[in-house]
C-alpha atoms as a PDB file:
ATOM      1  CA  MET A   1      -2.066  44.509 -31.340  1.00  0.00           C
ATOM      2  CA  LEU A   2      -0.646  41.196 -30.000  1.00  0.00           C
ATOM      3  CA  THR A   3      -2.000  40.048 -26.355  1.00  0.00           C
ATOM      4  CA  THR A   4       0.264  38.110 -24.027  1.00  0.00           C
ATOM      5  CA  MET A   5      -1.421  34.921 -23.038  1.00  0.00           C
ATOM      6  CA  SER A   6      -0.892  33.367 -19.708  1.00  0.00           C
ATOM      7  CA  MET A   7      -2.471  30.836 -17.436  1.00  0.00           C
ATOM      8  CA  SER A   8      -4.972  31.753 -14.877  1.00  0.00           C
ATOM      9  CA  LYS A   9      -4.121  31.759 -11.292  1.00  0.00           C
ATOM     10  CA  GLU A  10      -6.508  28.629 -10.640  1.00  0.00           C
ATOM     11  CA  VAL A  11      -4.766  26.701 -13.484  1.00  0.00           C
ATOM     12  CA  ALA A  12      -1.308  27.556 -12.470  1.00  0.00           C
ATOM     13  CA  LYS A  13      -1.971  26.419  -8.798  1.00  0.00           C
ATOM     14  CA  SER A  14      -3.374  23.113 -10.308  1.00  0.00           C
ATOM     15  CA  ILE A  15      -0.342  22.677 -12.080  1.00  0.00           C
ATOM     16  CA  GLU A  16       2.003  23.487  -9.235  1.00  0.00           C
ATOM     17  CA  ASP A  17      -0.224  20.876  -7.239  1.00  0.00           C
ATOM     18  CA  PHE A  18       0.480  18.372  -9.938  1.00  0.00           C
ATOM     19  CA  ARG A  19       4.138  18.940  -9.912  1.00  0.00           C
ATOM     20  CA  SER A  20       4.184  18.468  -6.009  1.00  0.00           C
ATOM     21  CA  LYS A  21       2.247  15.212  -6.362  1.00  0.00           C
ATOM     22  CA  VAL A  22       4.837  14.018  -9.145  1.00  0.00           C
ATOM     23  CA  ALA A  23       7.843  15.076  -6.915  1.00  0.00           C
ATOM     24  CA  GLU A  24       6.359  13.278  -3.929  1.00  0.00           C
ATOM     25  CA  THR A  25       5.520  10.056  -5.719  1.00  0.00           C
ATOM     26  CA  ALA A  26       8.914   9.984  -7.345  1.00  0.00           C
ATOM     27  CA  GLU A  27      10.976  10.700  -4.367  1.00  0.00           C
ATOM     28  CA  GLY A  28       9.103   8.016  -2.559  1.00  0.00           C
ATOM     29  CA  ILE A  29      10.245   5.656  -5.310  1.00  0.00           C
ATOM     30  CA  VAL A  30      13.787   6.832  -5.193  1.00  0.00           C
ATOM     31  CA  PHE A  31      14.113   6.516  -1.546  1.00  0.00           C
ATOM     32  CA  ARG A  32      11.750   3.718  -0.498  1.00  0.00           C
ATOM     33  CA  VAL A  33      10.642   1.563  -3.387  1.00  0.00           C
ATOM     34  CA  PHE A  34      13.951   1.125  -4.953  1.00  0.00           C
ATOM     35  CA  PRO A  35      16.024   0.210  -1.939  1.00  0.00           C
ATOM     36  CA  ASN A  36      13.186  -2.103  -0.609  1.00  0.00           C
ATOM     37  CA  LYS A  37      13.101  -3.824  -4.105  1.00  0.00           C
ATOM     38  CA  ILE A  38      17.002  -4.222  -3.905  1.00  0.00           C
ATOM     39  CA  MET A  39      16.360  -6.064  -0.523  1.00  0.00           C
ATOM     40  CA  GLU A  40      13.325  -7.970  -1.562  1.00  0.00           C
ATOM     41  CA  LEU A  41      14.969  -9.365  -4.855  1.00  0.00           C
ATOM     42  CA  THR A  42      18.277 -10.288  -3.202  1.00  0.00           C
ATOM     43  CA  SER A  43      16.479 -12.326  -0.702  1.00  0.00           C
ATOM     44  CA  LEU A  44      14.428 -14.056  -3.472  1.00  0.00           C
ATOM     45  CA  ILE A  45      17.525 -14.773  -5.374  1.00  0.00           C
ATOM     46  CA  GLU A  46      19.369 -16.297  -2.311  1.00  0.00           C
ATOM     47  CA  SER A  47      16.194 -18.407  -1.686  1.00  0.00           C
ATOM     48  CA  THR A  48      16.588 -19.878  -5.221  1.00  0.00           C
ATOM     49  CA  ASN A  49      19.206 -22.180  -3.815  1.00  0.00           C
ATOM     50  CA  ALA A  50      16.718 -23.895  -1.565  1.00  0.00           C
ATOM     51  CA  LYS A  51      15.581 -27.239  -2.942  1.00  0.00           C
ATOM     52  CA  ASP A  52      12.039 -26.277  -2.698  1.00  0.00           C
ATOM     53  CA  SER A  53      12.541 -23.192  -4.511  1.00  0.00           C
ATOM     54  CA  PRO A  54      10.248 -22.988  -7.663  1.00  0.00           C
ATOM     55  CA  TYR A  55      13.439 -21.550  -9.534  1.00  0.00           C
ATOM     56  CA  GLN A  56      15.646 -24.531  -8.465  1.00  0.00           C
ATOM     57  CA  ILE A  57      16.895 -26.051 -11.632  1.00  0.00           C
ATOM     58  CA  SER A  58      16.661 -29.559 -10.106  1.00  0.00           C
ATOM     59  CA  GLN A  59      12.858 -29.419 -10.430  1.00  0.00           C
ATOM     60  CA  ALA A  60      13.237 -28.694 -14.257  1.00  0.00           C
ATOM     61  CA  ALA A  61      13.107 -32.492 -15.243  1.00  0.00           C
ATOM     62  CA  ALA A  62       9.854 -33.091 -13.521  1.00  0.00           C
ATOM     63  CA  SER A  63       8.144 -30.118 -14.883  1.00  0.00           C
ATOM     64  CA  THR A  64       8.646 -31.286 -18.744  1.00  0.00           C
ATOM     65  CA  ASP A  65       6.060 -33.284 -19.985  1.00  0.00           C
ATOM     66  CA  THR A  66       7.380 -34.734 -23.252  1.00  0.00           C
ATOM     67  CA  THR A  67       4.382 -37.027 -24.058  1.00  0.00           C
ATOM     68  CA  ILE A  68       2.627 -36.615 -27.244  1.00  0.00           C
ATOM     69  CA  TYR A  69      -1.054 -36.651 -26.745  1.00  0.00           C
ATOM     70  CA  PRO A  70      -3.786 -37.838 -29.278  1.00  0.00           C
ATOM     71  CA  PRO A  71      -5.747 -35.132 -30.673  1.00  0.00           C
ATOM     72  CA  PRO A  72      -9.201 -33.970 -29.096  1.00  0.00           C
ATOM     73  CA  SER A  73     -11.875 -36.421 -30.043  1.00  0.00           C
ATOM     74  CA  SER A  74     -13.677 -35.305 -33.153  1.00  0.00           C
ATOM     75  CA  GLU A  75     -16.942 -36.558 -31.713  1.00  0.00           C
ATOM     76  CA  ALA A  76     -16.680 -33.934 -28.755  1.00  0.00           C
ATOM     77  CA  ASN A  77     -16.701 -31.064 -31.391  1.00  0.00           C
ATOM     78  CA  GLY A  78     -19.349 -32.669 -33.550  1.00  0.00           C
ATOM     79  CA  PRO A  79     -18.842 -34.770 -36.914  1.00  0.00           C
ATOM     80  CA  SER A  80     -15.925 -33.707 -38.693  1.00  0.00           C
ATOM     81  CA  SER A  81     -15.865 -32.190 -42.293  1.00  0.00           C
ATOM     82  CA  ASN A  82     -13.267 -31.036 -44.545  1.00  0.00           C
ATOM     83  CA  LYS A  83     -15.506 -27.941 -45.374  1.00  0.00           C
ATOM     84  CA  ARG A  84     -15.199 -24.840 -43.181  1.00  0.00           C
ATOM     85  CA  LYS A  85     -18.351 -24.001 -41.262  1.00  0.00           C
ATOM     86  CA  ARG A  86     -19.901 -20.682 -42.218  1.00  0.00           C
ATOM     87  CA  ASN A  87     -22.362 -18.283 -40.544  1.00  0.00           C
ATOM     88  CA  GLU A  88     -26.132 -17.473 -41.790  1.00  0.00           C
ATOM     89  CA  ASP A  89     -24.832 -14.562 -43.797  1.00  0.00           C
ATOM     90  CA  GLY A  90     -22.274 -17.128 -45.753  1.00  0.00           C
ATOM     91  CA  SER A  91     -19.205 -15.543 -44.108  1.00  0.00           C
ATOM     92  CA  ALA A  92     -16.691 -18.226 -42.737  1.00  0.00           C
ATOM     93  CA  ALA A  93     -16.923 -18.975 -39.109  1.00  0.00           C
ATOM     94  CA  PRO A  94     -13.984 -18.456 -36.804  1.00  0.00           C
ATOM     95  CA  ALA A  95     -11.863 -21.470 -36.075  1.00  0.00           C
ATOM     96  CA  HIS A  96     -11.741 -22.615 -32.482  1.00  0.00           C
ATOM     97  CA  LEU A  97      -8.542 -22.021 -30.506  1.00  0.00           C
ATOM     98  CA  ASN A  98      -7.867 -25.900 -30.273  1.00  0.00           C
ATOM     99  CA  GLU A  99      -9.358 -27.047 -33.481  1.00  0.00           C
ATOM    100  CA  THR A 100      -7.189 -29.754 -35.086  1.00  0.00           C
ATOM    101  CA  VAL A 101      -9.800 -30.757 -37.892  1.00  0.00           C
ATOM    102  CA  ASN A 102      -7.428 -29.347 -40.462  1.00  0.00           C
ATOM    103  CA  ALA A 103      -4.078 -29.771 -38.891  1.00  0.00           C
ATOM    104  CA  ARG A 104      -1.647 -31.875 -40.515  1.00  0.00           C
ATOM    105  CA  TYR A 105      -0.139 -32.980 -37.415  1.00  0.00           C
ATOM    106  CA  PRO A 106      -2.828 -32.801 -34.810  1.00  0.00           C
ATOM    107  CA  GLU A 107      -1.302 -34.344 -31.746  1.00  0.00           C
ATOM    108  CA  LEU A 108      -0.588 -32.365 -28.687  1.00  0.00           C
ATOM    109  CA  VAL A 109       2.348 -31.533 -26.629  1.00  0.00           C
ATOM    110  CA  HIS A 110       1.470 -29.510 -23.409  1.00  0.00           C
ATOM    111  CA  ALA A 111       3.011 -26.273 -22.372  1.00  0.00           C
ATOM    112  CA  ASN A 112       5.216 -26.167 -19.121  1.00  0.00           C
ATOM    113  CA  LYS A 113       2.955 -24.999 -16.702  1.00  0.00           C
ATOM    114  CA  HIS A 114       5.790 -24.525 -14.020  1.00  0.00           C
ATOM    115  CA  ILE A 115       7.739 -22.224 -16.350  1.00  0.00           C
ATOM    116  CA  LEU A 116       4.549 -20.270 -17.127  1.00  0.00           C
ATOM    117  CA  LYS A 117       4.265 -19.622 -13.436  1.00  0.00           C
ATOM    118  CA  LEU A 118       7.966 -18.368 -13.423  1.00  0.00           C
ATOM    119  CA  HIS A 119       7.492 -16.061 -16.292  1.00  0.00           C
ATOM    120  CA  GLU A 120       4.453 -14.566 -14.823  1.00  0.00           C
ATOM    121  CA  ALA A 121       6.501 -13.689 -11.701  1.00  0.00           C
ATOM    122  CA  VAL A 122       9.359 -11.971 -14.036  1.00  0.00           C
ATOM    123  CA  LYS A 123       6.828 -10.143 -15.940  1.00  0.00           C
ATOM    124  CA  SER A 124       5.246  -8.706 -13.010  1.00  0.00           C
ATOM    125  CA  GLU A 125       8.567  -7.563 -11.844  1.00  0.00           C
ATOM    126  CA  CYS A 126       9.422  -5.859 -15.234  1.00  0.00           C
ATOM    127  CA  ALA A 127       5.951  -4.088 -15.200  1.00  0.00           C
ATOM    128  CA  GLN A 128       6.752  -2.850 -11.738  1.00  0.00           C
ATOM    129  CA  LEU A 129      10.161  -1.627 -12.737  1.00  0.00           C
ATOM    130  CA  SER A 130       8.882   0.138 -15.908  1.00  0.00           C
ATOM    131  CA  ASP A 131       6.058   1.813 -14.117  1.00  0.00           C
ATOM    132  CA  SER A 132       8.559   3.255 -11.537  1.00  0.00           C
ATOM    133  CA  CYS A 133      10.899   4.457 -14.092  1.00  0.00           C
ATOM    134  CA  ASP A 134       8.026   6.289 -15.873  1.00  0.00           C
ATOM    135  CA  LYS A 135       7.139   8.127 -12.637  1.00  0.00           C
ATOM    136  CA  VAL A 136      10.727   9.223 -11.811  1.00  0.00           C
ATOM    137  CA  LYS A 137      11.610  10.257 -15.403  1.00  0.00           C
ATOM    138  CA  LEU A 138       8.488  12.768 -15.258  1.00  0.00           C
ATOM    139  CA  TRP A 139       9.702  14.188 -12.115  1.00  0.00           C
ATOM    140  CA  VAL A 140      13.312  14.586 -13.575  1.00  0.00           C
ATOM    141  CA  ASN A 141      11.812  16.242 -16.628  1.00  0.00           C
ATOM    142  CA  LEU A 142       9.592  18.617 -14.438  1.00  0.00           C
ATOM    143  CA  THR A 143      12.641  19.707 -12.489  1.00  0.00           C
ATOM    144  CA  MET A 144      14.524  20.805 -15.353  1.00  0.00           C
ATOM    145  CA  PRO A 145      15.028  24.647 -15.675  1.00  0.00           C
ATOM    146  CA  LYS A 146      14.197  26.677 -18.687  1.00  0.00           C
ATOM    147  CA  ILE A 147      16.792  26.439 -21.566  1.00  0.00           C
ATOM    148  CA  GLU A 148      19.489  29.176 -21.219  1.00  0.00           C
ATOM    149  CA  ASP A 149      23.185  29.636 -21.489  1.00  0.00           C
ATOM    150  CA  GLY A 150      25.575  28.914 -18.931  1.00  0.00           C
ATOM    151  CA  ASP A 151      25.496  26.955 -15.795  1.00  0.00           C
ATOM    152  CA  ASN A 152      24.270  23.757 -17.263  1.00  0.00           C
ATOM    153  CA  PHE A 153      26.327  21.154 -15.428  1.00  0.00           C
ATOM    154  CA  GLY A 154      23.159  20.173 -13.375  1.00  0.00           C
ATOM    155  CA  VAL A 155      21.048  19.905 -16.457  1.00  0.00           C
ATOM    156  CA  GLN A 156      23.901  17.601 -17.967  1.00  0.00           C
ATOM    157  CA  ILE A 157      23.489  15.263 -15.008  1.00  0.00           C
ATOM    158  CA  GLN A 158      19.617  15.213 -15.050  1.00  0.00           C
ATOM    159  CA  GLU A 159      20.049  14.186 -18.936  1.00  0.00           C
ATOM    160  CA  GLU A 160      22.370  11.423 -17.922  1.00  0.00           C
ATOM    161  CA  VAL A 161      19.779  10.346 -15.176  1.00  0.00           C
ATOM    162  CA  LEU A 162      16.987  10.262 -17.808  1.00  0.00           C
ATOM    163  CA  SER A 163      19.434   8.148 -20.006  1.00  0.00           C
ATOM    164  CA  GLU A 164      19.945   5.464 -17.311  1.00  0.00           C
ATOM    165  CA  LEU A 165      16.082   5.540 -16.644  1.00  0.00           C
ATOM    166  CA  LEU A 166      15.263   4.945 -20.216  1.00  0.00           C
ATOM    167  CA  ARG A 167      17.948   2.180 -20.474  1.00  0.00           C
ATOM    168  CA  SER A 168      16.438   0.472 -17.280  1.00  0.00           C
ATOM    169  CA  GLN A 169      13.056   0.650 -19.042  1.00  0.00           C
ATOM    170  CA  GLU A 170      14.280  -0.871 -22.055  1.00  0.00           C
ATOM    171  CA  SER A 171      15.815  -3.506 -20.043  1.00  0.00           C
ATOM    172  CA  ALA A 172      12.659  -4.419 -18.553  1.00  0.00           C
ATOM    173  CA  TYR A 173      10.975  -4.526 -22.040  1.00  0.00           C
ATOM    174  CA  ASN A 174      13.568  -6.972 -23.159  1.00  0.00           C
ATOM    175  CA  ILE A 175      13.137  -9.145 -20.058  1.00  0.00           C
ATOM    176  CA  ARG A 176       9.624  -9.001 -20.609  1.00  0.00           C
ATOM    177  CA  ASP A 177       9.836 -10.343 -24.113  1.00  0.00           C
ATOM    178  CA  ALA A 178      11.794 -13.634 -22.589  1.00  0.00           C
ATOM    179  CA  ALA A 179       8.343 -15.323 -22.260  1.00  0.00           C
ATOM    180  CA  ARG A 180       7.257 -14.699 -25.896  1.00  0.00           C
ATOM    181  CA  GLN A 181      10.680 -16.018 -27.296  1.00  0.00           C
ATOM    182  CA  HIS A 182      10.468 -18.958 -25.138  1.00  0.00           C
ATOM    183  CA  HIS A 183       6.909 -20.060 -26.308  1.00  0.00           C
ATOM    184  CA  LEU A 184       8.172 -19.575 -30.137  1.00  0.00           C
ATOM    185  CA  ALA A 185      11.394 -21.627 -29.465  1.00  0.00           C
ATOM    186  CA  ARG A 186       9.566 -24.405 -27.557  1.00  0.00           C
ATOM    187  CA  ALA A 187       6.783 -24.606 -30.013  1.00  0.00           C
ATOM    188  CA  LYS A 188       9.480 -25.349 -32.992  1.00  0.00           C
ATOM    189  CA  ILE A 189      10.748 -28.177 -30.745  1.00  0.00           C
ATOM    190  CA  CYS A 190       7.624 -29.621 -30.095  1.00  0.00           C
ATOM    191  CA  SER A 191       6.341 -29.569 -33.693  1.00  0.00           C
ATOM    192  CA  LYS A 192       9.432 -31.433 -34.364  1.00  0.00           C
ATOM    193  CA  LEU A 193       8.711 -33.841 -31.581  1.00  0.00           C
ATOM    194  CA  ILE A 194       5.211 -34.550 -32.878  1.00  0.00           C
ATOM    195  CA  LYS A 195       6.340 -34.858 -36.335  1.00  0.00           C
ATOM    196  CA  TYR A 196       9.483 -37.254 -35.614  1.00  0.00           C
ATOM    197  CA  PRO A 197       8.592 -38.812 -32.334  1.00  0.00           C
ATOM    198  CA  HIS A 198      11.193 -41.688 -32.879  1.00  0.00           C
ATOM    199  CA  ILE A 199      14.127 -39.239 -32.639  1.00  0.00           C
ATOM    200  CA  GLU A 200      15.069 -39.113 -29.202  1.00  0.00           C
ATOM    201  CA  ASP A 201      17.274 -35.986 -29.561  1.00  0.00           C
ATOM    202  CA  TYR A 202      14.056 -33.923 -30.159  1.00  0.00           C
ATOM    203  CA  THR A 203      12.610 -35.192 -26.546  1.00  0.00           C
ATOM    204  CA  LEU A 204      16.040 -34.322 -25.129  1.00  0.00           C
ATOM    205  CA  SER A 205      16.238 -31.007 -26.714  1.00  0.00           C
ATOM    206  CA  LEU A 206      12.621 -30.148 -25.347  1.00  0.00           C
ATOM    207  CA  LYS A 207      14.047 -31.232 -21.551  1.00  0.00           C
ATOM    208  CA  GLU A 208      17.044 -29.022 -22.193  1.00  0.00           C
ATOM    209  CA  HIS A 209      15.240 -26.111 -23.388  1.00  0.00           C
ATOM    210  CA  ASP A 210      12.928 -26.176 -20.218  1.00  0.00           C
ATOM    211  CA  GLU A 211      16.049 -26.408 -18.017  1.00  0.00           C
ATOM    212  CA  LYS A 212      17.475 -23.505 -19.531  1.00  0.00           C
ATOM    213  CA  GLN A 213      14.551 -21.484 -18.763  1.00  0.00           C
ATOM    214  CA  PHE A 214      14.907 -22.057 -14.921  1.00  0.00           C
ATOM    215  CA  PHE A 215      18.398 -20.734 -15.465  1.00  0.00           C
ATOM    216  CA  PHE A 216      17.195 -17.680 -17.253  1.00  0.00           C
ATOM    217  CA  THR A 217      14.473 -16.681 -15.248  1.00  0.00           C
ATOM    218  CA  ARG A 218      16.734 -16.667 -12.072  1.00  0.00           C
ATOM    219  CA  GLN A 219      19.204 -14.636 -13.912  1.00  0.00           C
ATOM    220  CA  ASN A 220      16.488 -12.317 -14.948  1.00  0.00           C
ATOM    221  CA  LEU A 221      15.674 -11.649 -11.198  1.00  0.00           C
ATOM    222  CA  ILE A 222      19.485 -10.817 -10.889  1.00  0.00           C
ATOM    223  CA  ASP A 223      19.409  -8.431 -13.730  1.00  0.00           C
ATOM    224  CA  ILE A 224      16.292  -6.767 -12.358  1.00  0.00           C
ATOM    225  CA  ARG A 225      17.908  -6.534  -8.888  1.00  0.00           C
ATOM    226  CA  ASN A 226      20.848  -4.968 -10.429  1.00  0.00           C
ATOM    227  CA  VAL A 227      18.925  -2.215 -12.457  1.00  0.00           C
ATOM    228  CA  TYR A 228      17.416  -1.268  -9.118  1.00  0.00           C
ATOM    229  CA  ALA A 229      20.931  -1.023  -7.683  1.00  0.00           C
ATOM    230  CA  VAL A 230      22.375   1.035 -10.427  1.00  0.00           C
ATOM    231  CA  LEU A 231      19.376   3.474 -10.443  1.00  0.00           C
ATOM    232  CA  THR A 232      19.379   3.770  -6.821  1.00  0.00           C
ATOM    233  CA  ASP A 233      23.052   4.679  -6.732  1.00  0.00           C
ATOM    234  CA  ILE A 234      22.923   7.256  -9.422  1.00  0.00           C
ATOM    235  CA  LEU A 235      19.825   8.968  -8.066  1.00  0.00           C
ATOM    236  CA  HIS A 236      21.029   9.177  -4.629  1.00  0.00           C
ATOM    237  CA  LYS A 237      24.574  10.311  -5.394  1.00  0.00           C
ATOM    238  CA  ASN A 238      22.868  13.165  -7.742  1.00  0.00           C
ATOM    239  CA  ILE A 239      19.695  13.842  -5.862  1.00  0.00           C
ATOM    240  CA  ALA A 240      20.631  17.411  -5.034  1.00  0.00           C
ATOM    241  CA  LYS A 241      21.323  18.508  -8.823  1.00  0.00           C
ATOM    242  CA  ILE A 242      18.357  16.389  -9.713  1.00  0.00           C
ATOM    243  CA  ARG A 243      16.081  18.508  -7.276  1.00  0.00           C
ATOM    244  CA  ALA A 244      17.555  21.843  -8.131  1.00  0.00           C
ATOM    245  CA  PRO A 245      20.005  21.737 -11.260  1.00  0.00           C
ATOM    246  CA  LYS A 246      20.759  25.361 -10.943  1.00  0.00           C
ATOM    247  CA  GLY A 247      20.445  25.920  -7.031  1.00  0.00           C
ATOM    248  CA  ASN A 248      17.359  28.001  -7.358  1.00  0.00           C
ATOM    249  CA  ASN A 249      14.993  25.803  -9.278  1.00  0.00           C
ATOM    250  CA  GLY A 250      12.366  26.731  -6.810  1.00  0.00           C
ATOM    251  CA  ALA A 251      11.673  30.204  -8.557  1.00  0.00           C
ATOM    252  CA  GLY A 252       8.283  30.686  -9.752  1.00  0.00           C
ATOM    253  CA  LEU A 253       7.484  29.676 -13.235  1.00  0.00           C
ATOM    254  CA  TYR A 254       4.162  31.011 -13.607  1.00  0.00           C
END
């Protein structure tokens, strides 16, 4: 004879408490965090027009160092050798991060420290956006009623909201990836600059690349602000159906 399994009252209460906390956190994000981020980012975007703003494109030229520096002194790292150092057990010792002994072109071109700071600020915004979307997605999923025929209009709205939240997260991931793409592209230009220092176009290419990053980072802030605006709009317009897609979503589920 089959026995019907069910949660104990204590576990059911813990689950309900968890759902309540998820709902409270998510609604706090929807009604406080999202609107505040729109205002905060709008203010930051407007401030980028100031001459002393770190996002001001006029600072690009001064931030780019096209100097080709000599490699680190081999004496500082001990006598050079063509042979790879080995550990006591005979295995190859790991190479140091900036080791240039075996490099074909060991000269150095430094990264743009100013752009690094801009990317860090954008990455922080992306992380916050992604985290907020995760919490709101969980809330929307937990408010979905059980699957049954009829009266599914509210569920369709919830699914559309979830799709918009997912698109917003993907936007955050793509914007977050801009820093990696910047370093790869810049490294290729720098390698050409080291190899062909007499070709002025590589120097100009590096300057243009860095200047483009000032434009992109500002545009990234605008894109993130716009994502918050769209999310806030769709969530506020459909909040009643999100909370109770069938009008009586508060019925006991346990």
